[in-house]
Amino acid sequence: MGVERGMVKKVVAAAVAVMVVGIGLAPYVLAGRRAPVGPGPEEPPWALPGIVTERVWGGGQARASGFRSSAALVYVDRSCVHCKAELELWESLLGSGDGTNATVGDLQVWVVASPKSAMDGAAWVPPSLRMRTVHDQDGSVARALGLNAVPATFWVDGSDTVRLVHAGRTGRRRLVDYIAVVRGGNGGGS
């Protein structure tokens, strides 16, 4: 009996060790297979850095600054299941459409795809968000934002100030509250 009990303890300890290592490596795996550069984005508010990247649909450059109204920059990775769920939540708020007007009221929604995301026309992005999808080809957007895990949403007001940063999946209620806060409301709590 003592030998069996000792063996069970060793197996449990090994399983726990594997889980701890897996949890510790998750941000590294999800953010582009690079070790996190630092602790993540600084605490808001802070000025949104000048970010220019290539549009996936329609070509040309897109500037993630100079917003006339509030905006949400949703940074995702194609292979991340949590990112897929986050995009589906946004799709449910925006409604399906051709993607020409990815807005909730006056809030502009932009999807920023990680460098390792295969774009192939962004077919993996919900239809209502495709026209506002850009590809962070060289990782410069992630570096400028201090990103080290996905999904992450950067909530920007009309003066290009990052007001909120949320890493991880967002629930519908919290998403609605964040929209209210960045648009100047007070939200309803989460």
Protein backbone atom coordinates (compact mmCIF):
# COMPACT_ATOMS: atom_id res chain seq x y z
CA MET A 1 0.00 0.00 0.00
CA GLY A 2 2.78 2.45 0.86
CA VAL A 3 4.42 1.89 -2.54
CA GLU A 4 1.11 2.54 -4.39
CA ARG A 5 0.44 5.69 -2.38
CA GLY A 6 3.96 6.97 -3.08
CA MET A 7 3.54 6.26 -6.80
CA VAL A 8 0.21 8.14 -6.90
CA LYS A 9 1.85 11.17 -5.23
CA LYS A 10 4.64 11.16 -7.82
CA VAL A 11 2.18 10.95 -10.73
CA VAL A 12 0.08 13.81 -9.30
CA ALA A 13 3.20 15.92 -8.72
CA ALA A 14 4.35 15.32 -12.30
CA ALA A 15 0.92 16.25 -13.68
CA VAL A 16 0.86 19.46 -11.65
CA ALA A 17 4.37 20.37 -12.85
CA VAL A 18 3.35 19.88 -16.49
CA MET A 19 0.26 22.08 -15.99
CA VAL A 20 2.29 24.86 -14.35
CA VAL A 21 4.79 24.86 -17.23
CA GLY A 22 1.92 24.88 -19.76
CA ILE A 23 0.24 27.85 -18.09
CA GLY A 24 3.54 29.71 -17.94
CA LEU A 25 4.19 29.19 -21.66
CA ALA A 26 0.66 30.09 -22.83
CA PRO A 27 1.36 33.82 -23.48
CA TYR A 28 4.57 32.86 -25.31
CA VAL A 29 2.69 30.45 -27.57
CA LEU A 30 -0.33 32.68 -28.15
CA ALA A 31 1.54 35.92 -28.86
CA GLY A 32 3.64 34.68 -31.75
CA ARG A 33 5.97 32.08 -30.34
CA ARG A 34 8.23 34.67 -28.79
CA ALA A 35 8.85 35.08 -25.10
CA PRO A 36 6.99 38.06 -23.64
CA VAL A 37 9.08 41.20 -23.91
CA GLY A 38 7.87 42.71 -20.67
CA PRO A 39 5.01 42.92 -18.26
CA GLY A 40 2.56 44.00 -20.98
CA PRO A 41 0.92 47.30 -21.80
CA GLU A 42 1.38 50.10 -19.31
CA GLU A 43 -1.58 51.15 -17.19
CA PRO A 44 -3.89 53.54 -19.12
CA PRO A 45 -4.34 56.30 -19.93
CA TRP A 46 -1.53 56.74 -22.46
CA ALA A 47 -1.16 58.20 -25.94
CA LEU A 48 -1.66 55.70 -28.74
CA PRO A 49 1.61 55.47 -30.67
CA GLY A 50 1.51 56.21 -34.40
CA ILE A 51 0.80 52.84 -35.97
CA VAL A 52 0.70 52.24 -39.72
CA THR A 53 0.05 48.81 -41.20
CA GLU A 54 -1.30 47.19 -44.35
CA ARG A 55 -5.02 46.56 -44.88
CA VAL A 56 -5.95 42.98 -45.70
CA TRP A 57 -8.93 43.88 -47.91
CA GLY A 58 -8.57 46.58 -50.51
CA GLY A 59 -4.85 47.00 -49.97
CA GLY A 60 -3.22 50.23 -48.99
CA GLN A 61 -2.10 51.42 -45.63
CA ALA A 62 -4.22 51.84 -42.54
CA ARG A 63 -3.32 54.26 -39.78
CA ALA A 64 -4.34 53.28 -36.25
CA SER A 65 -4.47 56.84 -35.03
CA GLY A 66 -6.26 60.04 -35.86
CA PHE A 67 -9.61 58.54 -34.92
CA ARG A 68 -12.47 61.03 -35.08
CA SER A 69 -14.36 58.97 -32.55
CA SER A 70 -13.64 56.14 -30.15
CA ALA A 71 -12.12 52.90 -31.38
CA ALA A 72 -11.38 49.35 -30.27
CA LEU A 73 -8.21 47.68 -31.57
CA VAL A 74 -8.70 43.92 -31.16
CA TYR A 75 -5.33 42.14 -31.47
CA VAL A 76 -5.73 38.44 -32.33
CA ASP A 77 -3.96 35.38 -33.63
CA ARG A 78 -5.62 33.09 -36.17
CA SER A 79 -4.77 29.88 -34.30
CA CYS A 80 -5.99 31.13 -30.89
CA VAL A 81 -9.36 29.65 -29.86
CA HIS A 82 -9.93 32.50 -27.40
CA CYS A 83 -9.33 35.01 -30.19
CA LYS A 84 -11.90 33.23 -32.34
CA ALA A 85 -14.45 33.46 -29.51
CA GLU A 86 -13.64 37.16 -29.04
CA LEU A 87 -14.19 37.86 -32.75
CA GLU A 88 -17.48 35.94 -32.64
CA LEU A 89 -18.61 38.12 -29.73
CA TRP A 90 -17.81 41.26 -31.73
CA GLU A 91 -19.65 39.77 -34.72
CA SER A 92 -22.74 39.26 -32.56
CA LEU A 93 -22.65 42.95 -31.59
CA LEU A 94 -21.98 44.25 -35.09
CA GLY A 95 -24.31 41.84 -36.88
CA SER A 96 -23.29 40.09 -40.04
CA GLY A 97 -22.69 42.35 -42.95
CA ASP A 98 -20.22 43.12 -45.68
CA GLY A 99 -17.74 44.66 -43.24
CA THR A 100 -17.79 48.13 -44.74
CA ASN A 101 -19.02 49.66 -41.49
CA ALA A 102 -17.48 47.82 -38.51
CA THR A 103 -18.89 50.19 -35.92
CA VAL A 104 -21.08 50.09 -32.83
CA GLY A 105 -22.59 53.55 -32.76
CA ASP A 106 -19.57 55.79 -33.31
CA LEU A 107 -17.08 53.17 -32.05
CA GLN A 108 -14.78 51.95 -34.82
CA VAL A 109 -13.65 48.33 -34.48
CA TRP A 110 -10.33 47.25 -36.00
CA VAL A 111 -8.91 43.72 -35.99
CA VAL A 112 -5.11 43.48 -35.88
CA ALA A 113 -3.82 40.03 -36.87
CA SER A 114 -0.53 38.76 -35.43
CA PRO A 115 2.51 38.22 -37.66
CA LYS A 116 2.08 34.44 -37.73
CA SER A 117 -1.59 34.61 -38.74
CA ALA A 118 -1.99 33.36 -42.30
CA MET A 119 -4.22 35.96 -43.90
CA ASP A 120 -5.57 34.38 -47.15
CA GLY A 121 -8.00 37.27 -47.49
CA ALA A 122 -8.89 37.09 -43.78
CA ALA A 123 -11.56 34.46 -44.49
CA TRP A 124 -11.23 33.37 -40.84
CA VAL A 125 -12.35 36.82 -39.63
CA PRO A 126 -16.15 37.26 -39.28
CA PRO A 127 -17.66 39.09 -42.30
CA SER A 128 -18.57 42.28 -40.43
CA LEU A 129 -14.92 42.79 -39.42
CA ARG A 130 -13.00 41.83 -42.59
CA MET A 131 -12.83 45.31 -44.14
CA ARG A 132 -11.31 46.63 -40.90
CA THR A 133 -8.68 43.91 -40.57
CA VAL A 134 -4.98 44.72 -40.75
CA HIS A 135 -1.95 42.44 -40.57
CA ASP A 136 0.89 43.16 -38.15
CA GLN A 137 3.39 41.56 -40.54
CA ASP A 138 6.55 42.41 -38.64
CA GLY A 139 5.23 42.56 -35.05
CA SER A 140 5.78 46.32 -34.83
CA VAL A 141 2.18 46.94 -33.70
CA ALA A 142 2.51 44.38 -30.89
CA ARG A 143 5.77 45.99 -29.77
CA ALA A 144 4.31 49.53 -29.90
CA LEU A 145 1.35 48.44 -27.77
CA GLY A 146 3.45 46.42 -25.29
CA LEU A 147 1.47 43.29 -26.17
CA ASN A 148 2.47 39.92 -24.74
CA ALA A 149 -0.75 37.85 -24.90
CA VAL A 150 -3.80 37.51 -27.13
CA PRO A 151 -6.59 38.33 -27.50
CA ALA A 152 -6.14 41.90 -26.30
CA THR A 153 -8.37 44.90 -26.87
CA PHE A 154 -7.11 48.46 -26.70
CA TRP A 155 -9.92 50.97 -26.14
CA VAL A 156 -9.05 54.38 -27.61
CA ASP A 157 -11.01 57.62 -27.29
CA GLY A 158 -11.39 60.33 -29.96
CA SER A 159 -8.19 62.05 -28.78
CA ASP A 160 -6.06 58.94 -29.52
CA THR A 161 -5.69 58.15 -25.83
CA VAL A 162 -5.77 54.51 -24.75
CA ARG A 163 -8.34 54.49 -21.95
CA LEU A 164 -8.72 50.76 -21.29
CA VAL A 165 -6.76 47.62 -22.08
CA HIS A 166 -8.32 44.19 -21.71
CA ALA A 167 -6.28 41.01 -22.21
CA GLY A 168 -8.16 37.74 -22.66
CA ARG A 169 -11.71 36.96 -23.62
CA THR A 170 -14.41 39.49 -22.84
CA GLY A 171 -17.95 38.68 -21.79
CA ARG A 172 -20.83 40.44 -23.56
CA ARG A 173 -21.77 42.56 -20.50
CA ARG A 174 -18.18 43.72 -19.96
CA LEU A 175 -17.82 44.50 -23.66
CA VAL A 176 -20.94 46.69 -23.56
CA ASP A 177 -19.61 48.40 -20.40
CA TYR A 178 -16.23 49.10 -22.04
CA ILE A 179 -17.98 50.59 -25.07
CA ALA A 180 -19.94 52.92 -22.78
CA VAL A 181 -16.81 53.97 -20.88
CA VAL A 182 -14.69 54.76 -23.93
CA ARG A 183 -17.57 56.67 -25.54
CA GLY A 184 -17.85 58.84 -22.44
CA GLY A 185 -20.57 56.98 -20.51
CA ASN A 186 -20.12 55.33 -17.17
CA GLY A 187 -21.13 51.75 -18.06
CA GLY A 188 -23.17 49.49 -15.92
CA GLY A 189 -20.54 47.55 -13.97
CA SER A 190 -19.34 44.06 -14.70
